[in-house]
Amino acid sequence: MTVTEVATTSTGAPPVDSDWADEVRELARRRDAVLLAHNYQLPAIQDIADHTGDSLALSRIAAESDASTIVFCGVHFMAETAKILAPDKTVLIPDAAAGCSLADSISADELRAWKAEHPGAVVVSYVNTTAAVKAETDVCCTSSNAVEVVESIPSDREVLFLPDQFLGAHVRRVTGRENMHVWAGECHVHAGINGSVLTAQVEANPGAELFVHPECGCATSALYLAGTGAVPEERVKILSTGGMLDAARTSSAKSVLVATEVGMLHQLRRAAPEIDFRAVNDRASCRFMKMITPEKLLRSLRDGTDEVHVDPELAARGRAAVQRMIEIGQPGGAE
C-alpha cells in the first residue's frame, strides 16, 4: 500500500502500511516525540497516534508528557494551544498551512474593538481561537463547559462570547442570559450541517439517536424536533466530541446519526462497533484537517517541520485564560 492509499482511506479502520508505521514509530523514538491526533484527522493518522482526542485534551496531554517534542496532527490553533501549555517543549505541526475557518473568524484587533464597545464586559473565548485572541480573553471554554463558564460570571456583568455563533446561541438558550453578546463566527463545516439536512436524515432513519455538536447549524433544529415529538427527547443529545464518545460507550441504540465533522465516525465506530453510526451530512469534511497526510507526518518527524512558535507574552496571557477555565470546571475531552 502506498502513502497516498493510506492517506485517502476515509471510512472504517484502514489497513496501515507496516513499513510506514514502523518508520513513523522509529522517527518518533529518535526525536523523543509524542504523536497527537485530533478526532477529525484521517483514520491512518488517528491509528498511528499515541493519543487521539479533542484539541484541549490533547494540549493538556502535551503539557503532561515526558516527551521533549510534540507532533500535533490537527490545525494550527491547536498546535499553538499545545505550545501555550507546554512552552518549554518543541511543538511541530506536519503542515503549518492547516488553518481553521472558525479561529479565523475573529482577529485580535477585532476583539479589541469589540471590547472597547463594551467596557467592563467579560470575554469568553472558545478554545478554537488563535493565541493572539486567547491573550485578549478573560476565560476560555470548551463546548462541554461553556454553560458552566458563563454561569460562573456575575449576572450583572456583560459577556462577550466568541467566536462561534451556534455554540453561543446554545449557551444563551440554556442560561437564559440576556446580557450576553455573541460574535457571528462559524466553522464552515459545522455550519453546513443544517436543519433541513438533519430533518431529512431523521425521516430516513426512524428510531436513530441523534448526537449533535453544538457548533452545528442544526443544533436548534434538533431541539425543535425533540420539542415537537418528531424525535423522542431522550434520543437527542447535544454533545462535545468527548461527550459523543462517552455516550457511544453507554448507548443501547442500534443506530446513531452524528452531526459533526465526519472524521469523528472513526473513533465512534471503534468505541461502539455494534452501533451503526451515520453522518448527518457525509460531505462535512474539513479540508484543513485532512491536510495532515502520512507523507507529511513522516517529513515532520524526519526534518522537524513545521515548528510552532508563540510569543512568550501572548502565551502567558493566553495560558491564564485557559487556566481560569480549568479552575471553573475540568473540561476533559470536551471540545
C-alpha atoms as a PDB file:
ATOM      1  CA  MET A   1       0.000   0.000   0.000  1.00  0.00           C
ATOM      2  CA  THR A   2       1.307   3.446  -0.907  1.00  0.00           C
ATOM      3  CA  VAL A   3       1.345   6.508   1.333  1.00  0.00           C
ATOM      4  CA  THR A   4      -1.373   8.012  -0.864  1.00  0.00           C
ATOM      5  CA  GLU A   5      -3.605   4.977  -0.385  1.00  0.00           C
ATOM      6  CA  VAL A   6      -3.158   5.140   3.383  1.00  0.00           C
ATOM      7  CA  ALA A   7      -3.963   8.862   3.381  1.00  0.00           C
ATOM      8  CA  THR A   8      -7.106   8.686   1.291  1.00  0.00           C
ATOM      9  CA  THR A   9      -8.886   5.897   3.152  1.00  0.00           C
ATOM     10  CA  SER A  10     -11.821   7.721   4.719  1.00  0.00           C
ATOM     11  CA  THR A  11     -14.052   5.191   6.446  1.00  0.00           C
ATOM     12  CA  GLY A  12     -13.588   2.305   8.827  1.00  0.00           C
ATOM     13  CA  ALA A  13     -10.209   1.210  10.170  1.00  0.00           C
ATOM     14  CA  PRO A  14      -7.784   1.300   7.228  1.00  0.00           C
ATOM     15  CA  PRO A  15      -5.041  -1.254   6.753  1.00  0.00           C
ATOM     16  CA  VAL A  16      -1.942   0.759   7.660  1.00  0.00           C
ATOM     17  CA  ASP A  17       1.205   0.096   5.642  1.00  0.00           C
ATOM     18  CA  SER A  18       3.565  -1.651   8.058  1.00  0.00           C
ATOM     19  CA  ASP A  19       6.720  -0.031   6.622  1.00  0.00           C
ATOM     20  CA  TRP A  20       5.196   3.429   7.011  1.00  0.00           C
ATOM     21  CA  ALA A  21       4.046   2.703  10.553  1.00  0.00           C
ATOM     22  CA  ASP A  22       7.448   1.279  11.517  1.00  0.00           C
ATOM     23  CA  GLU A  23       9.234   4.321  10.113  1.00  0.00           C
ATOM     24  CA  VAL A  24       6.912   6.711  11.962  1.00  0.00           C
ATOM     25  CA  ARG A  25       7.499   4.890  15.230  1.00  0.00           C
ATOM     26  CA  GLU A  26      11.286   4.814  14.788  1.00  0.00           C
ATOM     27  CA  LEU A  27      11.477   8.504  13.863  1.00  0.00           C
ATOM     28  CA  ALA A  28       9.279   9.416  16.834  1.00  0.00           C
ATOM     29  CA  ARG A  29      11.574   7.430  19.124  1.00  0.00           C
ATOM     30  CA  ARG A  30      14.664   9.165  17.780  1.00  0.00           C
ATOM     31  CA  ARG A  31      13.100  12.603  18.148  1.00  0.00           C
ATOM     32  CA  ASP A  32      11.683  11.835  21.613  1.00  0.00           C
ATOM     33  CA  ALA A  33       8.270  12.793  20.245  1.00  0.00           C
ATOM     34  CA  VAL A  34       4.711  12.051  21.275  1.00  0.00           C
ATOM     35  CA  LEU A  35       2.181  11.910  18.428  1.00  0.00           C
ATOM     36  CA  LEU A  36      -1.178  13.609  18.992  1.00  0.00           C
ATOM     37  CA  ALA A  37      -4.105  13.378  16.549  1.00  0.00           C
ATOM     38  CA  HIS A  38      -7.388  15.227  16.592  1.00  0.00           C
ATOM     39  CA  ASN A  39     -10.615  13.243  16.180  1.00  0.00           C
ATOM     40  CA  TYR A  40     -11.162  14.781  12.726  1.00  0.00           C
ATOM     41  CA  GLN A  41      -7.857  13.567  11.273  1.00  0.00           C
ATOM     42  CA  LEU A  42      -7.576  10.873   8.602  1.00  0.00           C
ATOM     43  CA  PRO A  43      -8.086   7.378  10.075  1.00  0.00           C
ATOM     44  CA  ALA A  44      -4.481   6.382   9.340  1.00  0.00           C
ATOM     45  CA  ILE A  45      -3.218   9.365  11.329  1.00  0.00           C
ATOM     46  CA  GLN A  46      -5.593   8.621  14.219  1.00  0.00           C
ATOM     47  CA  ASP A  47      -4.467   4.995  14.320  1.00  0.00           C
ATOM     48  CA  ILE A  48      -0.727   5.759  14.441  1.00  0.00           C
ATOM     49  CA  ALA A  49      -1.059   8.446  17.142  1.00  0.00           C
ATOM     50  CA  ASP A  50      -0.106   7.895  20.757  1.00  0.00           C
ATOM     51  CA  HIS A  51      -3.191   9.869  21.794  1.00  0.00           C
ATOM     52  CA  THR A  52      -6.366  10.830  19.932  1.00  0.00           C
ATOM     53  CA  GLY A  53      -8.936  13.340  21.178  1.00  0.00           C
ATOM     54  CA  ASP A  54     -10.103  16.938  21.021  1.00  0.00           C
ATOM     55  CA  SER A  55      -7.739  19.876  20.889  1.00  0.00           C
ATOM     56  CA  LEU A  56      -7.751  20.881  24.556  1.00  0.00           C
ATOM     57  CA  ALA A  57      -7.470  17.343  25.918  1.00  0.00           C
ATOM     58  CA  LEU A  58      -4.528  16.751  23.590  1.00  0.00           C
ATOM     59  CA  SER A  59      -2.883  20.019  24.615  1.00  0.00           C
ATOM     60  CA  ARG A  60      -3.138  19.013  28.257  1.00  0.00           C
ATOM     61  CA  ILE A  61      -1.575  15.648  27.393  1.00  0.00           C
ATOM     62  CA  ALA A  62       1.209  17.577  25.646  1.00  0.00           C
ATOM     63  CA  ALA A  63       1.865  19.602  28.779  1.00  0.00           C
ATOM     64  CA  GLU A  64       1.974  16.497  30.976  1.00  0.00           C
ATOM     65  CA  SER A  65       4.015  14.312  28.606  1.00  0.00           C
ATOM     66  CA  ASP A  66       7.639  13.454  29.353  1.00  0.00           C
ATOM     67  CA  ALA A  67       8.444  13.786  25.633  1.00  0.00           C
ATOM     68  CA  SER A  68      10.535  16.772  24.589  1.00  0.00           C
ATOM     69  CA  THR A  69       8.758  17.096  21.233  1.00  0.00           C
ATOM     70  CA  ILE A  70       5.047  17.274  20.490  1.00  0.00           C
ATOM     71  CA  VAL A  71       3.848  16.428  16.982  1.00  0.00           C
ATOM     72  CA  PHE A  72       0.309  17.794  16.759  1.00  0.00           C
ATOM     73  CA  CYS A  73      -1.774  16.406  13.904  1.00  0.00           C
ATOM     74  CA  GLY A  74      -4.579  18.925  13.792  1.00  0.00           C
ATOM     75  CA  VAL A  75      -4.977  22.556  12.755  1.00  0.00           C
ATOM     76  CA  HIS A  76      -2.683  25.445  13.618  1.00  0.00           C
ATOM     77  CA  PHE A  77      -4.526  26.958  16.594  1.00  0.00           C
ATOM     78  CA  MET A  78      -4.446  23.552  18.282  1.00  0.00           C
ATOM     79  CA  ALA A  79      -0.665  23.340  17.990  1.00  0.00           C
ATOM     80  CA  GLU A  80      -0.498  26.906  19.342  1.00  0.00           C
ATOM     81  CA  THR A  81      -2.559  25.871  22.359  1.00  0.00           C
ATOM     82  CA  ALA A  82      -0.175  22.978  22.998  1.00  0.00           C
ATOM     83  CA  LYS A  83       2.737  25.416  22.850  1.00  0.00           C
ATOM     84  CA  ILE A  84       0.940  27.760  25.265  1.00  0.00           C
ATOM     85  CA  LEU A  85       0.519  24.944  27.784  1.00  0.00           C
ATOM     86  CA  ALA A  86       3.958  23.416  27.112  1.00  0.00           C
ATOM     87  CA  PRO A  87       6.191  26.438  26.387  1.00  0.00           C
ATOM     88  CA  ASP A  88       9.459  24.600  27.010  1.00  0.00           C
ATOM     89  CA  LYS A  89       8.737  21.831  24.505  1.00  0.00           C
ATOM     90  CA  THR A  90       9.235  21.736  20.763  1.00  0.00           C
ATOM     91  CA  VAL A  91       5.828  21.660  19.041  1.00  0.00           C
ATOM     92  CA  LEU A  92       5.596  20.531  15.416  1.00  0.00           C
ATOM     93  CA  ILE A  93       2.600  20.514  13.073  1.00  0.00           C
ATOM     94  CA  PRO A  94       3.055  18.443   9.893  1.00  0.00           C
ATOM     95  CA  ASP A  95       1.533  21.217   7.742  1.00  0.00           C
ATOM     96  CA  ALA A  96       1.641  24.808   9.014  1.00  0.00           C
ATOM     97  CA  ALA A  97      -0.929  25.797   6.383  1.00  0.00           C
ATOM     98  CA  ALA A  98      -3.630  23.734   8.137  1.00  0.00           C
ATOM     99  CA  GLY A  99      -5.840  26.583   9.321  1.00  0.00           C
ATOM    100  CA  CYS A 100      -9.350  26.886  10.772  1.00  0.00           C
ATOM    101  CA  SER A 101     -12.275  28.918   9.449  1.00  0.00           C
ATOM    102  CA  LEU A 102     -13.693  29.301  12.954  1.00  0.00           C
ATOM    103  CA  ALA A 103     -10.452  30.545  14.508  1.00  0.00           C
ATOM    104  CA  ASP A 104     -10.034  32.891  11.540  1.00  0.00           C
ATOM    105  CA  SER A 105     -13.496  34.395  12.034  1.00  0.00           C
ATOM    106  CA  ILE A 106     -12.188  36.866  14.630  1.00  0.00           C
ATOM    107  CA  SER A 107      -8.826  38.581  14.926  1.00  0.00           C
ATOM    108  CA  ALA A 108      -7.201  40.113  17.993  1.00  0.00           C
ATOM    109  CA  ASP A 109      -7.777  43.591  16.528  1.00  0.00           C
ATOM    110  CA  GLU A 110     -11.480  42.854  16.023  1.00  0.00           C
ATOM    111  CA  LEU A 111     -11.755  41.564  19.568  1.00  0.00           C
ATOM    112  CA  ARG A 112     -10.065  44.658  20.992  1.00  0.00           C
ATOM    113  CA  ALA A 113     -12.518  46.864  19.072  1.00  0.00           C
ATOM    114  CA  TRP A 114     -15.460  44.807  20.369  1.00  0.00           C
ATOM    115  CA  LYS A 115     -14.177  45.091  23.916  1.00  0.00           C
ATOM    116  CA  ALA A 116     -13.936  48.880  23.515  1.00  0.00           C
ATOM    117  CA  GLU A 117     -17.650  48.940  22.662  1.00  0.00           C
ATOM    118  CA  HIS A 118     -18.462  47.039  25.879  1.00  0.00           C
ATOM    119  CA  PRO A 119     -16.127  48.275  28.623  1.00  0.00           C
ATOM    120  CA  GLY A 120     -16.180  46.037  31.662  1.00  0.00           C
ATOM    121  CA  ALA A 121     -17.561  43.018  29.793  1.00  0.00           C
ATOM    122  CA  VAL A 122     -16.089  39.573  30.472  1.00  0.00           C
ATOM    123  CA  VAL A 123     -14.625  37.953  27.368  1.00  0.00           C
ATOM    124  CA  VAL A 124     -15.296  34.225  26.999  1.00  0.00           C
ATOM    125  CA  SER A 125     -13.471  32.574  24.111  1.00  0.00           C
ATOM    126  CA  TYR A 126     -13.965  29.077  22.815  1.00  0.00           C
ATOM    127  CA  VAL A 127     -10.631  27.239  22.792  1.00  0.00           C
ATOM    128  CA  ASN A 128     -10.914  27.160  18.987  1.00  0.00           C
ATOM    129  CA  THR A 129      -9.167  30.522  18.725  1.00  0.00           C
ATOM    130  CA  THR A 130      -5.692  31.797  17.948  1.00  0.00           C
ATOM    131  CA  ALA A 131      -3.093  32.512  20.609  1.00  0.00           C
ATOM    132  CA  ALA A 132      -3.476  36.257  19.946  1.00  0.00           C
ATOM    133  CA  VAL A 133      -7.216  36.082  20.657  1.00  0.00           C
ATOM    134  CA  LYS A 134      -6.683  33.968  23.774  1.00  0.00           C
ATOM    135  CA  ALA A 135      -4.317  36.690  25.005  1.00  0.00           C
ATOM    136  CA  GLU A 136      -7.242  39.177  24.857  1.00  0.00           C
ATOM    137  CA  THR A 137      -9.572  36.750  26.659  1.00  0.00           C
ATOM    138  CA  ASP A 138     -10.622  36.623  30.313  1.00  0.00           C
ATOM    139  CA  VAL A 139     -11.572  32.958  30.342  1.00  0.00           C
ATOM    140  CA  CYS A 140     -11.672  30.206  27.722  1.00  0.00           C
ATOM    141  CA  CYS A 141     -14.282  27.458  27.425  1.00  0.00           C
ATOM    142  CA  THR A 142     -14.935  24.200  25.614  1.00  0.00           C
ATOM    143  CA  SER A 143     -18.240  23.113  24.124  1.00  0.00           C
ATOM    144  CA  SER A 144     -18.949  20.926  27.156  1.00  0.00           C
ATOM    145  CA  ASN A 145     -18.240  23.501  29.868  1.00  0.00           C
ATOM    146  CA  ALA A 146     -19.261  26.725  28.071  1.00  0.00           C
ATOM    147  CA  VAL A 147     -22.518  26.883  30.039  1.00  0.00           C
ATOM    148  CA  GLU A 148     -20.668  26.372  33.323  1.00  0.00           C
ATOM    149  CA  VAL A 149     -18.101  29.054  32.454  1.00  0.00           C
ATOM    150  CA  VAL A 150     -20.763  31.635  31.574  1.00  0.00           C
ATOM    151  CA  GLU A 151     -22.812  30.795  34.665  1.00  0.00           C
ATOM    152  CA  SER A 152     -19.725  31.438  36.817  1.00  0.00           C
ATOM    153  CA  ILE A 153     -19.731  35.099  35.740  1.00  0.00           C
ATOM    154  CA  PRO A 154     -21.767  37.503  37.923  1.00  0.00           C
ATOM    155  CA  SER A 155     -25.182  38.065  36.373  1.00  0.00           C
ATOM    156  CA  ASP A 156     -24.752  41.838  36.268  1.00  0.00           C
ATOM    157  CA  ARG A 157     -21.639  41.602  34.062  1.00  0.00           C
ATOM    158  CA  GLU A 158     -21.931  41.714  30.294  1.00  0.00           C
ATOM    159  CA  VAL A 159     -20.437  38.730  28.490  1.00  0.00           C
ATOM    160  CA  LEU A 160     -18.756  38.778  25.087  1.00  0.00           C
ATOM    161  CA  PHE A 161     -18.850  35.217  23.747  1.00  0.00           C
ATOM    162  CA  LEU A 162     -16.774  34.255  20.723  1.00  0.00           C
ATOM    163  CA  PRO A 163     -16.258  33.172  18.075  1.00  0.00           C
ATOM    164  CA  ASP A 164     -18.899  30.504  17.360  1.00  0.00           C
ATOM    165  CA  GLN A 165     -22.435  31.814  16.946  1.00  0.00           C
ATOM    166  CA  PHE A 166     -24.078  28.394  17.183  1.00  0.00           C
ATOM    167  CA  LEU A 167     -22.332  27.428  20.411  1.00  0.00           C
ATOM    168  CA  GLY A 168     -23.086  30.925  21.721  1.00  0.00           C
ATOM    169  CA  ALA A 169     -26.760  30.564  20.861  1.00  0.00           C
ATOM    170  CA  HIS A 170     -26.838  27.218  22.656  1.00  0.00           C
ATOM    171  CA  VAL A 171     -25.248  28.728  25.784  1.00  0.00           C
ATOM    172  CA  ARG A 172     -27.592  31.717  25.754  1.00  0.00           C
ATOM    173  CA  ARG A 173     -30.594  29.400  25.350  1.00  0.00           C
ATOM    174  CA  VAL A 174     -29.548  27.211  28.278  1.00  0.00           C
ATOM    175  CA  THR A 175     -28.524  30.031  30.623  1.00  0.00           C
ATOM    176  CA  GLY A 176     -31.262  32.496  29.632  1.00  0.00           C
ATOM    177  CA  ARG A 177     -28.620  35.205  29.834  1.00  0.00           C
ATOM    178  CA  GLU A 178     -29.812  38.434  28.204  1.00  0.00           C
ATOM    179  CA  ASN A 179     -26.609  40.447  28.633  1.00  0.00           C
ATOM    180  CA  MET A 180     -24.532  38.001  26.583  1.00  0.00           C
ATOM    181  CA  HIS A 181     -23.328  39.162  23.170  1.00  0.00           C
ATOM    182  CA  VAL A 182     -22.315  36.538  20.623  1.00  0.00           C
ATOM    183  CA  TRP A 183     -19.811  37.011  17.817  1.00  0.00           C
ATOM    184  CA  ALA A 184     -21.126  35.986  14.380  1.00  0.00           C
ATOM    185  CA  GLY A 185     -18.419  33.427  13.593  1.00  0.00           C
ATOM    186  CA  GLU A 186     -18.750  29.846  12.467  1.00  0.00           C
ATOM    187  CA  CYS A 187     -16.926  26.733  11.395  1.00  0.00           C
ATOM    188  CA  HIS A 188     -17.769  26.368   7.706  1.00  0.00           C
ATOM    189  CA  VAL A 189     -18.026  22.582   8.068  1.00  0.00           C
ATOM    190  CA  HIS A 190     -20.328  22.580  11.096  1.00  0.00           C
ATOM    191  CA  ALA A 191     -22.432  25.407   9.647  1.00  0.00           C
ATOM    192  CA  GLY A 192     -23.103  23.205   6.621  1.00  0.00           C
ATOM    193  CA  ILE A 193     -24.790  20.600   8.815  1.00  0.00           C
ATOM    194  CA  ASN A 194     -28.073  22.474   8.802  1.00  0.00           C
ATOM    195  CA  GLY A 195     -31.639  21.870   9.909  1.00  0.00           C
ATOM    196  CA  SER A 196     -33.003  20.745   6.556  1.00  0.00           C
ATOM    197  CA  VAL A 197     -30.265  18.123   6.181  1.00  0.00           C
ATOM    198  CA  LEU A 198     -30.897  16.883   9.724  1.00  0.00           C
ATOM    199  CA  THR A 199     -34.675  16.676   9.212  1.00  0.00           C
ATOM    200  CA  ALA A 200     -34.230  14.662   6.024  1.00  0.00           C
ATOM    201  CA  GLN A 201     -31.899  12.223   7.777  1.00  0.00           C
ATOM    202  CA  VAL A 202     -34.254  11.842  10.738  1.00  0.00           C
ATOM    203  CA  GLU A 203     -37.100  10.994   8.371  1.00  0.00           C
ATOM    204  CA  ALA A 204     -34.918   8.482   6.537  1.00  0.00           C
ATOM    205  CA  ASN A 205     -33.660   6.866   9.761  1.00  0.00           C
ATOM    206  CA  PRO A 206     -36.582   6.490  12.174  1.00  0.00           C
ATOM    207  CA  GLY A 207     -35.519   5.201  15.571  1.00  0.00           C
ATOM    208  CA  ALA A 208     -31.977   6.551  15.380  1.00  0.00           C
ATOM    209  CA  GLU A 209     -30.464   8.562  18.211  1.00  0.00           C
ATOM    210  CA  LEU A 210     -29.002  11.984  17.426  1.00  0.00           C
ATOM    211  CA  PHE A 211     -25.527  13.069  18.532  1.00  0.00           C
ATOM    212  CA  VAL A 212     -25.251  16.768  17.695  1.00  0.00           C
ATOM    213  CA  HIS A 213     -22.240  19.018  18.252  1.00  0.00           C
ATOM    214  CA  PRO A 214     -23.368  22.463  19.483  1.00  0.00           C
ATOM    215  CA  GLU A 215     -21.207  24.145  16.798  1.00  0.00           C
ATOM    216  CA  CYS A 216     -23.531  22.725  14.136  1.00  0.00           C
ATOM    217  CA  GLY A 217     -26.099  24.818  12.354  1.00  0.00           C
ATOM    218  CA  CYS A 218     -28.682  22.119  13.088  1.00  0.00           C
ATOM    219  CA  ALA A 219     -28.437  22.228  16.904  1.00  0.00           C
ATOM    220  CA  THR A 220     -31.563  24.391  17.243  1.00  0.00           C
ATOM    221  CA  SER A 221     -33.405  22.189  14.753  1.00  0.00           C
ATOM    222  CA  ALA A 222     -32.522  19.100  16.773  1.00  0.00           C
ATOM    223  CA  LEU A 223     -34.077  20.627  19.875  1.00  0.00           C
ATOM    224  CA  TYR A 224     -37.112  21.664  17.816  1.00  0.00           C
ATOM    225  CA  LEU A 225     -37.573  18.092  16.579  1.00  0.00           C
ATOM    226  CA  ALA A 226     -37.441  16.887  20.172  1.00  0.00           C
ATOM    227  CA  GLY A 227     -39.865  19.578  21.291  1.00  0.00           C
ATOM    228  CA  THR A 228     -42.431  18.666  18.641  1.00  0.00           C
ATOM    229  CA  GLY A 229     -42.121  14.963  19.327  1.00  0.00           C
ATOM    230  CA  ALA A 230     -40.706  14.188  15.877  1.00  0.00           C
ATOM    231  CA  VAL A 231     -37.830  12.577  17.774  1.00  0.00           C
ATOM    232  CA  PRO A 232     -38.228  11.459  21.395  1.00  0.00           C
ATOM    233  CA  GLU A 233     -36.436  13.939  23.638  1.00  0.00           C
ATOM    234  CA  GLU A 234     -34.244  11.268  25.207  1.00  0.00           C
ATOM    235  CA  ARG A 235     -32.804  10.416  21.777  1.00  0.00           C
ATOM    236  CA  VAL A 236     -31.498  13.944  21.116  1.00  0.00           C
ATOM    237  CA  LYS A 237     -28.107  14.623  22.676  1.00  0.00           C
ATOM    238  CA  ILE A 238     -26.201  17.901  22.262  1.00  0.00           C
ATOM    239  CA  LEU A 239     -22.634  16.779  22.919  1.00  0.00           C
ATOM    240  CA  SER A 240     -18.985  17.712  22.662  1.00  0.00           C
ATOM    241  CA  THR A 241     -16.797  15.270  20.752  1.00  0.00           C
ATOM    242  CA  GLY A 242     -15.613  13.791  24.050  1.00  0.00           C
ATOM    243  CA  GLY A 243     -19.229  13.575  25.155  1.00  0.00           C
ATOM    244  CA  MET A 244     -20.110  11.697  21.983  1.00  0.00           C
ATOM    245  CA  LEU A 245     -17.558   9.007  22.787  1.00  0.00           C
ATOM    246  CA  ASP A 246     -18.856   8.692  26.357  1.00  0.00           C
ATOM    247  CA  ALA A 247     -22.441   8.439  25.092  1.00  0.00           C
ATOM    248  CA  ALA A 248     -21.478   5.866  22.441  1.00  0.00           C
ATOM    249  CA  ARG A 249     -19.970   3.568  25.058  1.00  0.00           C
ATOM    250  CA  THR A 250     -23.183   3.518  27.115  1.00  0.00           C
ATOM    251  CA  SER A 251     -25.806   3.756  24.358  1.00  0.00           C
ATOM    252  CA  SER A 252     -28.184   0.895  23.677  1.00  0.00           C
ATOM    253  CA  ALA A 253     -29.189   2.356  20.312  1.00  0.00           C
ATOM    254  CA  LYS A 254     -28.844   0.301  17.146  1.00  0.00           C
ATOM    255  CA  SER A 255     -28.186   3.384  15.003  1.00  0.00           C
ATOM    256  CA  VAL A 256     -26.979   6.920  15.671  1.00  0.00           C
ATOM    257  CA  LEU A 257     -26.992   9.960  13.406  1.00  0.00           C
ATOM    258  CA  VAL A 258     -23.904  12.070  14.043  1.00  0.00           C
ATOM    259  CA  ALA A 259     -23.838  15.807  13.375  1.00  0.00           C
ATOM    260  CA  THR A 260     -20.191  16.843  13.334  1.00  0.00           C
ATOM    261  CA  GLU A 261     -17.136  16.505  11.081  1.00  0.00           C
ATOM    262  CA  VAL A 262     -17.049  13.037   9.515  1.00  0.00           C
ATOM    263  CA  GLY A 263     -13.635  12.148  10.968  1.00  0.00           C
ATOM    264  CA  MET A 264     -15.383  11.595  14.297  1.00  0.00           C
ATOM    265  CA  LEU A 265     -17.086   8.484  12.914  1.00  0.00           C
ATOM    266  CA  HIS A 266     -13.801   6.553  13.064  1.00  0.00           C
ATOM    267  CA  GLN A 267     -13.459   6.971  16.828  1.00  0.00           C
ATOM    268  CA  LEU A 268     -17.166   6.339  17.441  1.00  0.00           C
ATOM    269  CA  ARG A 269     -17.069   3.090  15.483  1.00  0.00           C
ATOM    270  CA  ARG A 270     -14.032   1.985  17.443  1.00  0.00           C
ATOM    271  CA  ALA A 271     -15.757   2.845  20.729  1.00  0.00           C
ATOM    272  CA  ALA A 272     -19.016   1.025  19.899  1.00  0.00           C
ATOM    273  CA  PRO A 273     -18.637  -1.230  16.834  1.00  0.00           C
ATOM    274  CA  GLU A 274     -22.080  -2.729  17.361  1.00  0.00           C
ATOM    275  CA  ILE A 275     -23.790   0.598  16.606  1.00  0.00           C
ATOM    276  CA  ASP A 276     -24.464   1.860  13.080  1.00  0.00           C
ATOM    277  CA  PHE A 277     -23.068   5.405  13.142  1.00  0.00           C
ATOM    278  CA  ARG A 278     -24.018   7.574  10.171  1.00  0.00           C
ATOM    279  CA  ALA A 279     -23.097  11.148   9.322  1.00  0.00           C
ATOM    280  CA  VAL A 280     -25.968  13.626   9.151  1.00  0.00           C
ATOM    281  CA  ASN A 281     -24.005  15.224   6.306  1.00  0.00           C
ATOM    282  CA  ASP A 282     -21.449  12.884   4.754  1.00  0.00           C
ATOM    283  CA  ARG A 283     -19.831  15.843   2.960  1.00  0.00           C
ATOM    284  CA  ALA A 284     -18.966  17.533   6.266  1.00  0.00           C
ATOM    285  CA  SER A 285     -15.229  17.017   5.897  1.00  0.00           C
ATOM    286  CA  CYS A 286     -12.735  19.690   6.937  1.00  0.00           C
ATOM    287  CA  ARG A 287     -10.139  20.117   4.202  1.00  0.00           C
ATOM    288  CA  PHE A 288      -7.762  21.731   6.700  1.00  0.00           C
ATOM    289  CA  MET A 289      -7.880  18.710   9.000  1.00  0.00           C
ATOM    290  CA  LYS A 290      -7.268  16.413   6.058  1.00  0.00           C
ATOM    291  CA  MET A 291      -4.119  18.343   5.055  1.00  0.00           C
ATOM    292  CA  ILE A 292      -2.132  16.241   7.537  1.00  0.00           C
ATOM    293  CA  THR A 293      -1.197  13.171   5.489  1.00  0.00           C
ATOM    294  CA  PRO A 294       1.043  10.191   6.307  1.00  0.00           C
ATOM    295  CA  GLU A 295       3.694  11.616   3.987  1.00  0.00           C
ATOM    296  CA  LYS A 296       3.667  14.982   5.798  1.00  0.00           C
ATOM    297  CA  LEU A 297       3.821  13.272   9.181  1.00  0.00           C
ATOM    298  CA  LEU A 298       6.941  11.408   8.074  1.00  0.00           C
ATOM    299  CA  ARG A 299       8.501  14.644   6.812  1.00  0.00           C
ATOM    300  CA  SER A 300       7.739  16.430  10.074  1.00  0.00           C
ATOM    301  CA  LEU A 301       9.365  13.689  12.137  1.00  0.00           C
ATOM    302  CA  ARG A 302      12.337  13.385   9.803  1.00  0.00           C
ATOM    303  CA  ASP A 303      13.053  17.093   9.193  1.00  0.00           C
ATOM    304  CA  GLY A 304      11.478  18.828  12.199  1.00  0.00           C
ATOM    305  CA  THR A 305       8.882  20.708  10.141  1.00  0.00           C
ATOM    306  CA  ASP A 306       6.897  22.795  10.856  1.00  0.00           C
ATOM    307  CA  GLU A 307       7.790  24.178  14.283  1.00  0.00           C
ATOM    308  CA  VAL A 308       5.164  26.301  16.054  1.00  0.00           C
ATOM    309  CA  HIS A 309       6.224  29.431  17.920  1.00  0.00           C
ATOM    310  CA  VAL A 310       4.092  31.645  20.190  1.00  0.00           C
ATOM    311  CA  ASP A 311       5.298  34.997  21.530  1.00  0.00           C
ATOM    312  CA  PRO A 312       6.079  34.419  25.237  1.00  0.00           C
ATOM    313  CA  GLU A 313       3.975  37.384  26.398  1.00  0.00           C
ATOM    314  CA  LEU A 314       0.963  36.251  24.349  1.00  0.00           C
ATOM    315  CA  ALA A 315       1.469  32.711  25.590  1.00  0.00           C
ATOM    316  CA  ALA A 316       1.484  33.818  29.241  1.00  0.00           C
ATOM    317  CA  ARG A 317      -1.744  35.797  28.827  1.00  0.00           C
ATOM    318  CA  GLY A 318      -3.428  33.021  26.881  1.00  0.00           C
ATOM    319  CA  ARG A 319      -2.302  30.450  29.432  1.00  0.00           C
ATOM    320  CA  ALA A 320      -4.023  32.445  32.173  1.00  0.00           C
ATOM    321  CA  ALA A 321      -7.337  32.345  30.271  1.00  0.00           C
ATOM    322  CA  VAL A 322      -7.084  28.582  29.777  1.00  0.00           C
ATOM    323  CA  GLN A 323      -6.130  28.060  33.431  1.00  0.00           C
ATOM    324  CA  ARG A 324      -9.175  30.027  34.609  1.00  0.00           C
ATOM    325  CA  MET A 325     -11.365  27.714  32.541  1.00  0.00           C
ATOM    326  CA  ILE A 326      -9.788  24.628  34.094  1.00  0.00           C
ATOM    327  CA  GLU A 327     -10.294  26.059  37.590  1.00  0.00           C
ATOM    328  CA  ILE A 328     -14.003  26.638  36.888  1.00  0.00           C
ATOM    329  CA  GLY A 329     -14.653  23.124  35.634  1.00  0.00           C
ATOM    330  CA  GLN A 330     -12.489  20.289  34.350  1.00  0.00           C
ATOM    331  CA  PRO A 331     -13.159  20.180  30.595  1.00  0.00           C
ATOM    332  CA  GLY A 332     -11.519  16.805  29.992  1.00  0.00           C
ATOM    333  CA  GLY A 333     -12.116  15.543  26.472  1.00  0.00           C
ATOM    334  CA  ALA A 334     -14.587  18.203  25.673  1.00  0.00           C
ATOM    335  CA  GLU A 335     -14.206  20.212  22.528  1.00  0.00           C
END
